[in-house]
Amino acid sequence: MLPFFGRCHIGYIPNGRVFGVSKLARLVDMYARRLQLQERLTEQISHAIMDSIDAAGVGVMIEARHLCMMMRGVEKQNSVIDHFLRRRRLPRFPRDREEFLGLIGQRGA
């Protein structure tokens, strides 16, 4: 078991209630400190936002470097694994998805 590290991008469409930025950061930290998979981490963050504020839509993207890729096997030092998860409104409205990806600089992903 080796750690991974990276950045988490969160976007959501509020439905009357909002999260403060510091709460989003604490939410990510809370789930990231556990023994974790990148895909599960993305899913847990999106579920927590949906369950807490009943958002109309949520997009979570994690860009991570995995030490298992860098130190073992293929030894790809510059590889980055992206995992993007969207819920509710974002899958049905491509414009919202494209806006989210454009804001984080991942056009065409």
Protein backbone atom coordinates (compact mmCIF):
# COMPACT_ATOMS: atom_id res chain seq x y z
CA MET A 1 0.00 0.00 0.00
CA LEU A 2 1.45 3.31 -1.11
CA PRO A 3 -0.06 6.79 -0.86
CA PHE A 4 -1.24 9.06 -3.62
CA PHE A 5 -1.36 12.85 -3.57
CA GLY A 6 -2.89 15.53 -5.74
CA ARG A 7 -5.63 18.10 -6.13
CA CYS A 8 -9.38 17.91 -5.70
CA HIS A 9 -11.75 20.11 -7.73
CA ILE A 10 -15.35 20.45 -6.55
CA GLY A 11 -18.24 22.17 -8.28
CA TYR A 12 -21.88 22.01 -7.34
CA ILE A 13 -25.20 23.57 -8.28
CA PRO A 14 -26.82 24.79 -5.05
CA ASN A 15 -30.43 24.06 -4.27
CA GLY A 16 -31.06 26.70 -1.61
CA ARG A 17 -28.17 25.76 0.71
CA VAL A 18 -24.42 26.19 0.19
CA PHE A 19 -21.16 24.97 1.67
CA GLY A 20 -18.45 27.35 2.80
CA VAL A 21 -15.08 26.86 1.15
CA SER A 22 -13.46 25.82 4.42
CA LYS A 23 -16.11 23.13 4.91
CA LEU A 24 -15.34 21.70 1.47
CA ALA A 25 -11.63 21.59 2.34
CA ARG A 26 -12.35 19.86 5.66
CA LEU A 27 -14.66 17.39 3.92
CA VAL A 28 -11.91 16.43 1.46
CA ASP A 29 -9.34 16.14 4.27
CA MET A 30 -11.65 13.97 6.35
CA TYR A 31 -12.09 11.37 3.60
CA ALA A 32 -8.52 11.65 2.23
CA ARG A 33 -6.91 10.73 5.57
CA ARG A 34 -8.41 7.25 5.45
CA LEU A 35 -6.93 4.21 3.74
CA GLN A 36 -8.43 5.07 0.40
CA LEU A 37 -8.82 4.54 -3.33
CA GLN A 38 -9.00 7.58 -5.59
CA GLU A 39 -12.30 6.45 -7.12
CA ARG A 40 -13.90 5.84 -3.71
CA LEU A 41 -12.64 9.19 -2.43
CA THR A 42 -14.29 11.00 -5.35
CA GLU A 43 -17.55 9.14 -4.74
CA GLN A 44 -17.56 9.78 -0.97
CA ILE A 45 -17.00 13.51 -1.43
CA SER A 46 -19.83 13.81 -3.97
CA HIS A 47 -22.23 11.78 -1.78
CA ALA A 48 -21.42 13.92 1.26
CA ILE A 49 -22.22 17.12 -0.63
CA MET A 50 -25.44 15.71 -2.09
CA ASP A 51 -26.60 14.34 1.26
CA SER A 52 -25.68 17.45 3.28
CA ILE A 53 -27.15 20.25 1.16
CA ASP A 54 -29.29 18.40 -1.41
CA ALA A 55 -27.40 20.03 -4.27
CA ALA A 56 -29.01 20.08 -7.72
CA GLY A 57 -25.78 18.71 -9.17
CA VAL A 58 -22.22 17.92 -8.10
CA GLY A 59 -18.94 17.48 -9.97
CA VAL A 60 -15.80 16.22 -8.26
CA MET A 61 -12.49 15.68 -10.00
CA ILE A 62 -9.32 14.42 -8.38
CA GLU A 63 -5.97 14.65 -10.15
CA ALA A 64 -3.48 12.45 -8.32
CA ARG A 65 0.02 11.06 -8.55
CA HIS A 66 0.25 7.53 -7.23
CA LEU A 67 3.50 6.39 -5.64
CA CYS A 68 2.78 2.83 -6.76
CA MET A 69 3.04 4.10 -10.37
CA MET A 70 6.16 6.11 -9.63
CA MET A 71 8.13 3.59 -7.53
CA ARG A 72 7.05 0.15 -8.66
CA GLY A 73 6.17 -1.65 -11.87
CA VAL A 74 6.06 0.78 -14.77
CA GLU A 75 7.93 3.56 -12.89
CA LYS A 76 6.20 6.42 -14.69
CA GLN A 77 7.40 9.48 -12.75
CA ASN A 78 5.12 12.05 -14.38
CA SER A 79 1.89 10.07 -14.62
CA VAL A 80 -1.25 11.68 -13.25
CA ILE A 81 -4.51 9.80 -12.80
CA ASP A 82 -7.72 11.84 -13.18
CA HIS A 83 -11.05 10.65 -11.86
CA PHE A 84 -14.17 12.71 -12.56
CA LEU A 85 -17.57 11.97 -11.05
CA ARG A 86 -20.76 13.89 -11.68
CA ARG A 87 -24.19 13.50 -10.11
CA ARG A 88 -27.74 14.55 -10.92
CA ARG A 89 -27.97 17.61 -13.11
CA LEU A 90 -24.42 17.52 -14.49
CA PRO A 91 -24.91 14.28 -16.50
CA ARG A 92 -28.10 15.56 -18.14
CA PHE A 93 -26.82 19.01 -19.04
CA PRO A 94 -23.58 18.86 -21.05
CA ARG A 95 -23.18 22.65 -20.85
CA ASP A 96 -22.83 22.45 -17.04
CA ARG A 97 -20.29 19.62 -17.37
CA GLU A 98 -18.27 21.54 -19.97
CA GLU A 99 -18.34 24.69 -17.85
CA PHE A 100 -17.03 22.76 -14.83
CA LEU A 101 -14.24 21.11 -16.82
CA GLY A 102 -13.38 24.41 -18.50
CA LEU A 103 -13.07 26.17 -15.15
CA ILE A 104 -10.56 23.61 -13.89
CA GLY A 105 -8.64 23.62 -17.17
CA GLN A 106 -9.56 20.13 -18.40
CA ARG A 107 -11.32 20.89 -21.68
CA GLY A 108 -12.11 17.83 -23.73
CA ALA A 109 -11.72 15.43 -20.80
